Full PDB file with SEQRES, HELIX, SHEET, SSBOND, CRYST1, ORIGX, SCALE, CONECT and MASTER records, all heavy atoms in Angstrom:
SEQRES   1 A   39  LEU SER LEU GLY HIS ILE ALA PHE PHE GLY ILE GLY ALA          
SEQRES   2 A   39  TYR VAL SER ALA LEU THR SER LEU GLY PHE ASP VAL GLU          
SEQRES   3 A   39  ILE GLY PHE GLY THR ARG ILE VAL HIS GLU PRO TRP PRO          
HELIX    1 AA1 ILE A    6  LEU A   21  1                                  16    
SHEET    1 AA1 2 PHE A  23  GLY A  28  0                                        
SHEET    2 AA1 2 THR A  31  HIS A  35 -1                                        
CRYST1    1.000    1.000    1.000  90.00  90.00  90.00 P 1           1          
ORIGX1      1.000000  0.000000  0.000000        0.00000                         
ORIGX2      0.000000  1.000000  0.000000        0.00000                         
ORIGX3      0.000000  0.000000  1.000000        0.00000                         
SCALE1      1.000000  0.000000  0.000000        0.00000                         
SCALE2      0.000000  1.000000  0.000000        0.00000                         
SCALE3      0.000000  0.000000  1.000000        0.00000                         
ATOM      1  N   LEU A   1     -22.328 -13.297   6.799  1.00  0.00           N  
ATOM      2  CA  LEU A   1     -22.494 -11.886   6.456  1.00  0.00           C  
ATOM      3  C   LEU A   1     -21.251 -11.108   6.849  1.00  0.00           C  
ATOM      4  O   LEU A   1     -20.875 -11.064   8.011  1.00  0.00           O  
ATOM      5  CB  LEU A   1     -23.713 -11.296   7.168  1.00  0.00           C  
ATOM      6  CG  LEU A   1     -23.937  -9.786   7.002  1.00  0.00           C  
ATOM      7  CD1 LEU A   1     -24.119  -9.432   5.526  1.00  0.00           C  
ATOM      8  CD2 LEU A   1     -25.130  -9.328   7.822  1.00  0.00           C  
ATOM      9  N   SER A   2     -20.619 -10.477   5.860  1.00  0.00           N  
ATOM     10  CA  SER A   2     -19.439  -9.638   6.090  1.00  0.00           C  
ATOM     11  C   SER A   2     -19.830  -8.181   5.887  1.00  0.00           C  
ATOM     12  O   SER A   2     -20.035  -7.742   4.756  1.00  0.00           O  
ATOM     13  CB  SER A   2     -18.307 -10.021   5.125  1.00  0.00           C  
ATOM     14  OG  SER A   2     -17.255  -9.077   5.199  1.00  0.00           O  
ATOM     15  N   LEU A   3     -19.931  -7.441   6.979  1.00  0.00           N  
ATOM     16  CA  LEU A   3     -20.251  -6.018   6.891  1.00  0.00           C  
ATOM     17  C   LEU A   3     -18.985  -5.167   6.808  1.00  0.00           C  
ATOM     18  O   LEU A   3     -19.070  -3.941   6.830  1.00  0.00           O  
ATOM     19  CB  LEU A   3     -21.098  -5.585   8.089  1.00  0.00           C  
ATOM     20  CG  LEU A   3     -22.546  -6.090   8.098  1.00  0.00           C  
ATOM     21  CD1 LEU A   3     -23.296  -5.570   9.311  1.00  0.00           C  
ATOM     22  CD2 LEU A   3     -23.275  -5.701   6.818  1.00  0.00           C  
ATOM     23  N   GLY A   4     -17.841  -5.820   6.712  1.00  0.00           N  
ATOM     24  CA  GLY A   4     -16.591  -5.098   6.521  1.00  0.00           C  
ATOM     25  C   GLY A   4     -15.948  -5.456   5.193  1.00  0.00           C  
ATOM     26  O   GLY A   4     -14.742  -5.297   5.018  1.00  0.00           O  
ATOM     27  N   HIS A   5     -16.768  -5.911   4.243  1.00  0.00           N  
ATOM     28  CA  HIS A   5     -16.227  -6.378   2.971  1.00  0.00           C  
ATOM     29  C   HIS A   5     -15.548  -5.259   2.191  1.00  0.00           C  
ATOM     30  O   HIS A   5     -14.667  -5.512   1.375  1.00  0.00           O  
ATOM     31  CB  HIS A   5     -17.351  -6.989   2.127  1.00  0.00           C  
ATOM     32  CG  HIS A   5     -16.879  -8.019   1.154  1.00  0.00           C  
ATOM     33  ND1 HIS A   5     -16.368  -9.238   1.548  1.00  0.00           N  
ATOM     34  CD2 HIS A   5     -16.824  -8.023  -0.198  1.00  0.00           C  
ATOM     35  CE1 HIS A   5     -16.027  -9.943   0.495  1.00  0.00           C  
ATOM     36  NE2 HIS A   5     -16.293  -9.223  -0.581  1.00  0.00           N  
ATOM     37  N   ILE A   6     -15.938  -4.031   2.471  1.00  0.00           N  
ATOM     38  CA  ILE A   6     -15.338  -2.899   1.776  1.00  0.00           C  
ATOM     39  C   ILE A   6     -13.857  -2.774   2.114  1.00  0.00           C  
ATOM     40  O   ILE A   6     -13.098  -2.142   1.371  1.00  0.00           O  
ATOM     41  CB  ILE A   6     -16.097  -1.599   2.143  1.00  0.00           C  
ATOM     42  CG1 ILE A   6     -15.732  -0.468   1.186  1.00  0.00           C  
ATOM     43  CG2 ILE A   6     -15.819  -1.205   3.583  1.00  0.00           C  
ATOM     44  CD1 ILE A   6     -16.119  -0.726  -0.239  1.00  0.00           C  
ATOM     45  N   ALA A   7     -13.428  -3.378   3.236  1.00  0.00           N  
ATOM     46  CA  ALA A   7     -12.003  -3.333   3.597  1.00  0.00           C  
ATOM     47  C   ALA A   7     -11.152  -3.996   2.516  1.00  0.00           C  
ATOM     48  O   ALA A   7     -10.098  -3.476   2.143  1.00  0.00           O  
ATOM     49  CB  ALA A   7     -11.776  -4.022   4.938  1.00  0.00           C  
ATOM     50  N   PHE A   8     -11.582  -5.132   1.996  1.00  0.00           N  
ATOM     51  CA  PHE A   8     -10.820  -5.827   0.956  1.00  0.00           C  
ATOM     52  C   PHE A   8     -10.799  -5.002  -0.334  1.00  0.00           C  
ATOM     53  O   PHE A   8      -9.790  -4.959  -1.045  1.00  0.00           O  
ATOM     54  CB  PHE A   8     -11.418  -7.208   0.694  1.00  0.00           C  
ATOM     55  CG  PHE A   8     -11.549  -8.051   1.929  1.00  0.00           C  
ATOM     56  CD1 PHE A   8     -12.783  -8.558   2.325  1.00  0.00           C  
ATOM     57  CD2 PHE A   8     -10.445  -8.334   2.717  1.00  0.00           C  
ATOM     58  CE1 PHE A   8     -12.900  -9.331   3.470  1.00  0.00           C  
ATOM     59  CE2 PHE A   8     -10.554  -9.108   3.868  1.00  0.00           C  
ATOM     60  CZ  PHE A   8     -11.791  -9.607   4.245  1.00  0.00           C  
ATOM     61  N   PHE A   9     -11.918  -4.368  -0.623  1.00  0.00           N  
ATOM     62  CA  PHE A   9     -12.003  -3.479  -1.784  1.00  0.00           C  
ATOM     63  C   PHE A   9     -10.994  -2.339  -1.649  1.00  0.00           C  
ATOM     64  O   PHE A   9     -10.235  -2.046  -2.574  1.00  0.00           O  
ATOM     65  CB  PHE A   9     -13.434  -2.930  -1.862  1.00  0.00           C  
ATOM     66  CG  PHE A   9     -13.702  -2.053  -3.050  1.00  0.00           C  
ATOM     67  CD1 PHE A   9     -14.205  -2.590  -4.225  1.00  0.00           C  
ATOM     68  CD2 PHE A   9     -13.493  -0.684  -2.994  1.00  0.00           C  
ATOM     69  CE1 PHE A   9     -14.486  -1.783  -5.317  1.00  0.00           C  
ATOM     70  CE2 PHE A   9     -13.759   0.133  -4.073  1.00  0.00           C  
ATOM     71  CZ  PHE A   9     -14.262  -0.414  -5.242  1.00  0.00           C  
ATOM     72  N   GLY A  10     -10.967  -1.700  -0.467  1.00  0.00           N  
ATOM     73  CA  GLY A  10     -10.051  -0.587  -0.246  1.00  0.00           C  
ATOM     74  C   GLY A  10      -8.596  -1.019  -0.221  1.00  0.00           C  
ATOM     75  O   GLY A  10      -7.713  -0.301  -0.722  1.00  0.00           O  
ATOM     76  N   ILE A  11      -8.328  -2.185   0.358  1.00  0.00           N  
ATOM     77  CA  ILE A  11      -6.952  -2.695   0.376  1.00  0.00           C  
ATOM     78  C   ILE A  11      -6.457  -2.918  -1.049  1.00  0.00           C  
ATOM     79  O   ILE A  11      -5.330  -2.563  -1.408  1.00  0.00           O  
ATOM     80  CB  ILE A  11      -6.876  -4.005   1.193  1.00  0.00           C  
ATOM     81  CG1 ILE A  11      -7.023  -3.692   2.688  1.00  0.00           C  
ATOM     82  CG2 ILE A  11      -5.573  -4.745   0.930  1.00  0.00           C  
ATOM     83  CD1 ILE A  11      -7.210  -4.910   3.558  1.00  0.00           C  
ATOM     84  N   GLY A  12      -7.303  -3.506  -1.892  1.00  0.00           N  
ATOM     85  CA  GLY A  12      -6.931  -3.697  -3.285  1.00  0.00           C  
ATOM     86  C   GLY A  12      -6.650  -2.383  -3.979  1.00  0.00           C  
ATOM     87  O   GLY A  12      -5.691  -2.259  -4.748  1.00  0.00           O  
ATOM     88  N   ALA A  13      -7.462  -1.361  -3.684  1.00  0.00           N  
ATOM     89  CA  ALA A  13      -7.277  -0.051  -4.306  1.00  0.00           C  
ATOM     90  C   ALA A  13      -5.951   0.572  -3.885  1.00  0.00           C  
ATOM     91  O   ALA A  13      -5.173   1.068  -4.722  1.00  0.00           O  
ATOM     92  CB  ALA A  13      -8.442   0.864  -3.933  1.00  0.00           C  
ATOM     93  N   TYR A  14      -5.654   0.558  -2.583  1.00  0.00           N  
ATOM     94  CA  TYR A  14      -4.433   1.199  -2.088  1.00  0.00           C  
ATOM     95  C   TYR A  14      -3.183   0.428  -2.491  1.00  0.00           C  
ATOM     96  O   TYR A  14      -2.165   1.032  -2.869  1.00  0.00           O  
ATOM     97  CB  TYR A  14      -4.504   1.342  -0.567  1.00  0.00           C  
ATOM     98  CG  TYR A  14      -5.081   2.664  -0.123  1.00  0.00           C  
ATOM     99  CD1 TYR A  14      -6.413   2.772   0.231  1.00  0.00           C  
ATOM    100  CD2 TYR A  14      -4.299   3.815  -0.079  1.00  0.00           C  
ATOM    101  CE1 TYR A  14      -6.957   3.991   0.625  1.00  0.00           C  
ATOM    102  CE2 TYR A  14      -4.828   5.033   0.319  1.00  0.00           C  
ATOM    103  CZ  TYR A  14      -6.158   5.115   0.675  1.00  0.00           C  
ATOM    104  OH  TYR A  14      -6.681   6.323   1.038  1.00  0.00           O  
ATOM    105  N   VAL A  15      -3.228  -0.896  -2.418  1.00  0.00           N  
ATOM    106  CA  VAL A  15      -2.052  -1.690  -2.800  1.00  0.00           C  
ATOM    107  C   VAL A  15      -1.720  -1.477  -4.266  1.00  0.00           C  
ATOM    108  O   VAL A  15      -0.558  -1.269  -4.645  1.00  0.00           O  
ATOM    109  CB  VAL A  15      -2.294  -3.184  -2.501  1.00  0.00           C  
ATOM    110  CG1 VAL A  15      -1.222  -4.046  -3.157  1.00  0.00           C  
ATOM    111  CG2 VAL A  15      -2.308  -3.428  -1.001  1.00  0.00           C  
ATOM    112  N   SER A  16      -2.729  -1.504  -5.109  1.00  0.00           N  
ATOM    113  CA  SER A  16      -2.495  -1.324  -6.538  1.00  0.00           C  
ATOM    114  C   SER A  16      -1.987   0.086  -6.842  1.00  0.00           C  
ATOM    115  O   SER A  16      -1.062   0.266  -7.639  1.00  0.00           O  
ATOM    116  CB  SER A  16      -3.788  -1.596  -7.307  1.00  0.00           C  
ATOM    117  OG  SER A  16      -3.544  -1.702  -8.681  1.00  0.00           O  
ATOM    118  N   ALA A  17      -2.584   1.085  -6.175  1.00  0.00           N  
ATOM    119  CA  ALA A  17      -2.157   2.466  -6.403  1.00  0.00           C  
ATOM    120  C   ALA A  17      -0.723   2.692  -5.942  1.00  0.00           C  
ATOM    121  O   ALA A  17       0.091   3.295  -6.654  1.00  0.00           O  
ATOM    122  CB  ALA A  17      -3.107   3.425  -5.686  1.00  0.00           C  
ATOM    123  N   LEU A  18      -0.377   2.216  -4.746  1.00  0.00           N  
ATOM    124  CA  LEU A  18       0.969   2.424  -4.212  1.00  0.00           C  
ATOM    125  C   LEU A  18       2.008   1.648  -5.016  1.00  0.00           C  
ATOM    126  O   LEU A  18       3.145   2.101  -5.172  1.00  0.00           O  
ATOM    127  CB  LEU A  18       1.007   2.007  -2.744  1.00  0.00           C  
ATOM    128  CG  LEU A  18       0.262   2.932  -1.774  1.00  0.00           C  
ATOM    129  CD1 LEU A  18       0.156   2.298  -0.394  1.00  0.00           C  
ATOM    130  CD2 LEU A  18       0.960   4.281  -1.688  1.00  0.00           C  
ATOM    131  N   THR A  19       1.630   0.464  -5.516  1.00  0.00           N  
ATOM    132  CA  THR A  19       2.565  -0.305  -6.342  1.00  0.00           C  
ATOM    133  C   THR A  19       2.917   0.446  -7.615  1.00  0.00           C  
ATOM    134  O   THR A  19       4.084   0.459  -8.049  1.00  0.00           O  
ATOM    135  CB  THR A  19       1.948  -1.667  -6.696  1.00  0.00           C  
ATOM    136  OG1 THR A  19       1.693  -2.404  -5.490  1.00  0.00           O  
ATOM    137  CG2 THR A  19       2.890  -2.475  -7.573  1.00  0.00           C  
ATOM    138  N   SER A  20       1.934   1.082  -8.213  1.00  0.00           N  
ATOM    139  CA  SER A  20       2.181   1.775  -9.479  1.00  0.00           C  
ATOM    140  C   SER A  20       2.737   3.184  -9.292  1.00  0.00           C  
ATOM    141  O   SER A  20       3.373   3.713 -10.207  1.00  0.00           O  
ATOM    142  CB  SER A  20       0.883   1.837 -10.295  1.00  0.00           C  
ATOM    143  OG  SER A  20      -0.149   2.474  -9.556  1.00  0.00           O  
ATOM    144  N   LEU A  21       2.524   3.792  -8.112  1.00  0.00           N  
ATOM    145  CA  LEU A  21       3.048   5.134  -7.854  1.00  0.00           C  
ATOM    146  C   LEU A  21       4.445   5.112  -7.242  1.00  0.00           C  
ATOM    147  O   LEU A  21       5.243   6.026  -7.456  1.00  0.00           O  
ATOM    148  CB  LEU A  21       2.113   5.897  -6.905  1.00  0.00           C  
ATOM    149  CG  LEU A  21       0.794   6.398  -7.477  1.00  0.00           C  
ATOM    150  CD1 LEU A  21      -0.090   6.928  -6.361  1.00  0.00           C  
ATOM    151  CD2 LEU A  21       1.032   7.461  -8.529  1.00  0.00           C  
ATOM    152  N   GLY A  22       4.728   4.061  -6.455  1.00  0.00           N  
ATOM    153  CA  GLY A  22       5.965   4.018  -5.694  1.00  0.00           C  
ATOM    154  C   GLY A  22       5.819   4.798  -4.391  1.00  0.00           C  
ATOM    155  O   GLY A  22       4.898   5.612  -4.236  1.00  0.00           O  
ATOM    156  N   PHE A  23       6.733   4.555  -3.448  1.00  0.00           N  
ATOM    157  CA  PHE A  23       6.676   5.262  -2.170  1.00  0.00           C  
ATOM    158  C   PHE A  23       8.031   5.192  -1.485  1.00  0.00           C  
ATOM    159  O   PHE A  23       8.878   4.362  -1.799  1.00  0.00           O  
ATOM    160  CB  PHE A  23       5.588   4.677  -1.261  1.00  0.00           C  
ATOM    161  CG  PHE A  23       5.693   3.194  -1.017  1.00  0.00           C  
ATOM    162  CD1 PHE A  23       6.510   2.685  -0.026  1.00  0.00           C  
ATOM    163  CD2 PHE A  23       4.974   2.305  -1.814  1.00  0.00           C  
ATOM    164  CE1 PHE A  23       6.615   1.325   0.190  1.00  0.00           C  
ATOM    165  CE2 PHE A  23       5.069   0.932  -1.608  1.00  0.00           C  
ATOM    166  CZ  PHE A  23       5.886   0.443  -0.601  1.00  0.00           C  
ATOM    167  N   ASP A  24       8.207   6.084  -0.541  1.00  0.00           N  
ATOM    168  CA  ASP A  24       9.417   6.152   0.288  1.00  0.00           C  
ATOM    169  C   ASP A  24       8.949   6.429   1.702  1.00  0.00           C  
ATOM    170  O   ASP A  24       8.526   7.539   2.032  1.00  0.00           O  
ATOM    171  CB  ASP A  24      10.338   7.258  -0.211  1.00  0.00           C  
ATOM    172  CG  ASP A  24      11.639   7.352   0.596  1.00  0.00           C  
ATOM    173  OD1 ASP A  24      11.768   6.625   1.602  1.00  0.00           O  
ATOM    174  OD2 ASP A  24      12.497   8.168   0.233  1.00  0.00           O  
ATOM    175  N   VAL A  25       8.983   5.413   2.569  1.00  0.00           N  
ATOM    176  CA  VAL A  25       8.383   5.534   3.883  1.00  0.00           C  
ATOM    177  C   VAL A  25       9.324   4.977   4.940  1.00  0.00           C  
ATOM    178  O   VAL A  25      10.022   3.981   4.716  1.00  0.00           O  
ATOM    179  CB  VAL A  25       7.023   4.807   3.921  1.00  0.00           C  
ATOM    180  CG1 VAL A  25       7.185   3.323   3.649  1.00  0.00           C  
ATOM    181  CG2 VAL A  25       6.312   5.016   5.247  1.00  0.00           C  
ATOM    182  N   GLU A  26       9.345   5.618   6.099  1.00  0.00           N  
ATOM    183  CA  GLU A  26      10.146   5.147   7.230  1.00  0.00           C  
ATOM    184  C   GLU A  26       9.279   4.267   8.108  1.00  0.00           C  
ATOM    185  O   GLU A  26       8.156   4.629   8.465  1.00  0.00           O  
ATOM    186  CB  GLU A  26      10.668   6.333   8.039  1.00  0.00           C  
ATOM    187  CG  GLU A  26      11.569   5.910   9.197  1.00  0.00           C  
ATOM    188  CD  GLU A  26      12.160   7.101   9.952  1.00  0.00           C  
ATOM    189  OE1 GLU A  26      11.956   8.247   9.478  1.00  0.00           O  
ATOM    190  OE2 GLU A  26      12.797   6.882  10.989  1.00  0.00           O  
ATOM    191  N   ILE A  27       9.808   3.098   8.483  1.00  0.00           N  
ATOM    192  CA  ILE A  27       9.043   2.152   9.290  1.00  0.00           C  
ATOM    193  C   ILE A  27       9.574   2.055  10.717  1.00  0.00           C  
ATOM    194  O   ILE A  27       9.134   1.222  11.491  1.00  0.00           O  
ATOM    195  CB  ILE A  27       9.028   0.759   8.648  1.00  0.00           C  
ATOM    196  CG1 ILE A  27      10.450   0.210   8.509  1.00  0.00           C  
ATOM    197  CG2 ILE A  27       8.316   0.788   7.316  1.00  0.00           C  
ATOM    198  CD1 ILE A  27      10.488  -1.225   8.004  1.00  0.00           C  
ATOM    199  N   GLY A  28      10.532   2.918  11.078  1.00  0.00           N  
ATOM    200  CA  GLY A  28      11.055   2.924  12.435  1.00  0.00           C  
ATOM    201  C   GLY A  28      12.506   2.477  12.515  1.00  0.00           C  
ATOM    202  O   GLY A  28      13.010   1.772  11.626  1.00  0.00           O  
ATOM    203  N   PHE A  29      13.174   2.913  13.604  1.00  0.00           N  
ATOM    204  CA  PHE A  29      14.579   2.564  13.858  1.00  0.00           C  
ATOM    205  C   PHE A  29      15.482   3.008  12.705  1.00  0.00           C  
ATOM    206  O   PHE A  29      16.480   2.345  12.385  1.00  0.00           O  
ATOM    207  CB  PHE A  29      14.738   1.057  14.100  1.00  0.00           C  
ATOM    208  CG  PHE A  29      13.883   0.524  15.208  1.00  0.00           C  
ATOM    209  CD1 PHE A  29      12.718  -0.190  14.924  1.00  0.00           C  
ATOM    210  CD2 PHE A  29      14.202   0.770  16.540  1.00  0.00           C  
ATOM    211  CE1 PHE A  29      11.922  -0.685  15.928  1.00  0.00           C  
ATOM    212  CE2 PHE A  29      13.391   0.280  17.558  1.00  0.00           C  
ATOM    213  CZ  PHE A  29      12.265  -0.447  17.265  1.00  0.00           C  
ATOM    214  N   GLY A  30      15.099   4.116  12.070  1.00  0.00           N  
ATOM    215  CA  GLY A  30      15.914   4.643  10.983  1.00  0.00           C  
ATOM    216  C   GLY A  30      15.866   3.851   9.701  1.00  0.00           C  
ATOM    217  O   GLY A  30      16.667   4.076   8.795  1.00  0.00           O  
ATOM    218  N   THR A  31      14.929   2.905   9.612  1.00  0.00           N  
ATOM    219  CA  THR A  31      14.810   2.065   8.421  1.00  0.00           C  
ATOM    220  C   THR A  31      13.770   2.646   7.473  1.00  0.00           C  
ATOM    221  O   THR A  31      12.659   2.982   7.887  1.00  0.00           O  
ATOM    222  CB  THR A  31      14.396   0.633   8.807  1.00  0.00           C  
ATOM    223  OG1 THR A  31      15.348   0.110   9.742  1.00  0.00           O  
ATOM    224  CG2 THR A  31      14.338  -0.258   7.569  1.00  0.00           C  
ATOM    225  N   ARG A  32      14.139   2.755   6.235  1.00  0.00           N  
ATOM    226  CA  ARG A  32      13.217   3.261   5.227  1.00  0.00           C  
ATOM    227  C   ARG A  32      12.996   2.205   4.150  1.00  0.00           C  
ATOM    228  O   ARG A  32      13.893   1.435   3.812  1.00  0.00           O  
ATOM    229  CB  ARG A  32      13.745   4.544   4.576  1.00  0.00           C  
ATOM    230  CG  ARG A  32      14.007   5.685   5.533  1.00  0.00           C  
ATOM    231  CD  ARG A  32      14.223   6.987   4.788  1.00  0.00           C  
ATOM    232  NE  ARG A  32      13.002   7.444   4.138  1.00  0.00           N  
ATOM    233  CZ  ARG A  32      12.070   8.160   4.765  1.00  0.00           C  
ATOM    234  NH1 ARG A  32      12.214   8.499   6.042  1.00  0.00           N  
ATOM    235  NH2 ARG A  32      10.991   8.556   4.106  1.00  0.00           N  
ATOM    236  N   ILE A  33      11.780   2.188   3.625  1.00  0.00           N  
ATOM    237  CA  ILE A  33      11.442   1.317   2.497  1.00  0.00           C  
ATOM    238  C   ILE A  33      11.210   2.200   1.288  1.00  0.00           C  
ATOM    239  O   ILE A  33      10.337   3.082   1.305  1.00  0.00           O  
ATOM    240  CB  ILE A  33      10.203   0.459   2.792  1.00  0.00           C  
ATOM    241  CG1 ILE A  33      10.467  -0.486   3.960  1.00  0.00           C  
ATOM    242  CG2 ILE A  33       9.802  -0.331   1.551  1.00  0.00           C  
ATOM    243  CD1 ILE A  33       9.277  -1.356   4.306  1.00  0.00           C  
ATOM    244  N   VAL A  34      12.001   1.986   0.270  1.00  0.00           N  
ATOM    245  CA  VAL A  34      11.871   2.765  -0.965  1.00  0.00           C  
ATOM    246  C   VAL A  34      11.413   1.818  -2.069  1.00  0.00           C  
ATOM    247  O   VAL A  34      12.063   0.806  -2.343  1.00  0.00           O  
ATOM    248  CB  VAL A  34      13.201   3.436  -1.351  1.00  0.00           C  
ATOM    249  CG1 VAL A  34      13.039   4.211  -2.649  1.00  0.00           C  
ATOM    250  CG2 VAL A  34      13.685   4.346  -0.224  1.00  0.00           C  
ATOM    251  N   HIS A  35      10.293   2.148  -2.656  1.00  0.00           N  
ATOM    252  CA  HIS A  35       9.738   1.318  -3.731  1.00  0.00           C  
ATOM    253  C   HIS A  35       9.599   2.150  -4.988  1.00  0.00           C  
ATOM    254  O   HIS A  35       8.928   3.186  -4.998  1.00  0.00           O  
ATOM    255  CB  HIS A  35       8.374   0.758  -3.317  1.00  0.00           C  
ATOM    256  CG  HIS A  35       7.607   0.145  -4.450  1.00  0.00           C  
ATOM    257  ND1 HIS A  35       8.022  -0.993  -5.102  1.00  0.00           N  
ATOM    258  CD2 HIS A  35       6.465   0.535  -5.074  1.00  0.00           C  
ATOM    259  CE1 HIS A  35       7.163  -1.292  -6.064  1.00  0.00           C  
ATOM    260  NE2 HIS A  35       6.214  -0.376  -6.062  1.00  0.00           N  
ATOM    261  N   GLU A  36      10.238   1.725  -6.036  1.00  0.00           N  
ATOM    262  CA  GLU A  36      10.118   2.396  -7.325  1.00  0.00           C  
ATOM    263  C   GLU A  36       8.814   1.961  -8.014  1.00  0.00           C  
ATOM    264  O   GLU A  36       8.344   0.836  -7.802  1.00  0.00           O  
ATOM    265  CB  GLU A  36      11.308   2.056  -8.215  1.00  0.00           C  
ATOM    266  CG  GLU A  36      12.640   2.545  -7.674  1.00  0.00           C  
ATOM    267  CD  GLU A  36      12.706   4.062  -7.557  1.00  0.00           C  
ATOM    268  OE1 GLU A  36      12.045   4.740  -8.390  1.00  0.00           O  
ATOM    269  OE2 GLU A  36      13.390   4.557  -6.648  1.00  0.00           O  
ATOM    270  N   PRO A  37       8.230   2.836  -8.808  1.00  0.00           N  
ATOM    271  CA  PRO A  37       6.960   2.482  -9.464  1.00  0.00           C  
ATOM    272  C   PRO A  37       7.069   1.241 -10.346  1.00  0.00           C  
ATOM    273  O   PRO A  37       8.043   1.083 -11.084  1.00  0.00           O  
ATOM    274  CB  PRO A  37       6.642   3.737 -10.284  1.00  0.00           C  
ATOM    275  CG  PRO A  37       7.380   4.839  -9.607  1.00  0.00           C  
ATOM    276  CD  PRO A  37       8.635   4.222  -9.078  1.00  0.00           C  
ATOM    277  N   TRP A  38       6.065   0.374 -10.238  1.00  0.00           N  
ATOM    278  CA  TRP A  38       5.938  -0.806 -11.090  1.00  0.00           C  
ATOM    279  C   TRP A  38       4.742  -0.627 -12.018  1.00  0.00           C  
ATOM    280  O   TRP A  38       3.885   0.232 -11.775  1.00  0.00           O  
ATOM    281  CB  TRP A  38       5.749  -2.065 -10.242  1.00  0.00           C  
ATOM    282  CG  TRP A  38       6.989  -2.507  -9.519  1.00  0.00           C  
ATOM    283  CD1 TRP A  38       8.229  -1.954  -9.611  1.00  0.00           C  
ATOM    284  CD2 TRP A  38       7.099  -3.586  -8.596  1.00  0.00           C  
ATOM    285  NE1 TRP A  38       9.120  -2.620  -8.809  1.00  0.00           N  
ATOM    286  CE2 TRP A  38       8.457  -3.627  -8.163  1.00  0.00           C  
ATOM    287  CE3 TRP A  38       6.207  -4.517  -8.084  1.00  0.00           C  
ATOM    288  CZ2 TRP A  38       8.919  -4.571  -7.246  1.00  0.00           C  
ATOM    289  CZ3 TRP A  38       6.665  -5.463  -7.172  1.00  0.00           C  
ATOM    290  CH2 TRP A  38       8.005  -5.490  -6.765  1.00  0.00           C  
ATOM    291  N   PRO A  39       4.644  -1.408 -13.072  1.00  0.00           N  
ATOM    292  CA  PRO A  39       3.482  -1.290 -13.969  1.00  0.00           C  
ATOM    293  C   PRO A  39       2.167  -1.509 -13.227  1.00  0.00           C  
ATOM    294  O   PRO A  39       2.088  -2.288 -12.261  1.00  0.00           O  
ATOM    295  CB  PRO A  39       3.729  -2.401 -15.001  1.00  0.00           C  
ATOM    296  CG  PRO A  39       5.206  -2.608 -14.979  1.00  0.00           C  
ATOM    297  CD  PRO A  39       5.631  -2.381 -13.563  1.00  0.00           C  
TER     298      PRO A  39                                                      
MASTER        0    0    0    1    2    0    0    6  297    1    0    3          
END                                                                             
């Protein structure tokens, strides 16, 4: 029994949304990750 199964559902939603929207985020030590939108 997995009572946290919604986590995988939400991860799929956010990963797919961020992949198609793109993002520009700082991960620390002055390093930034810039992702251009993908299909």
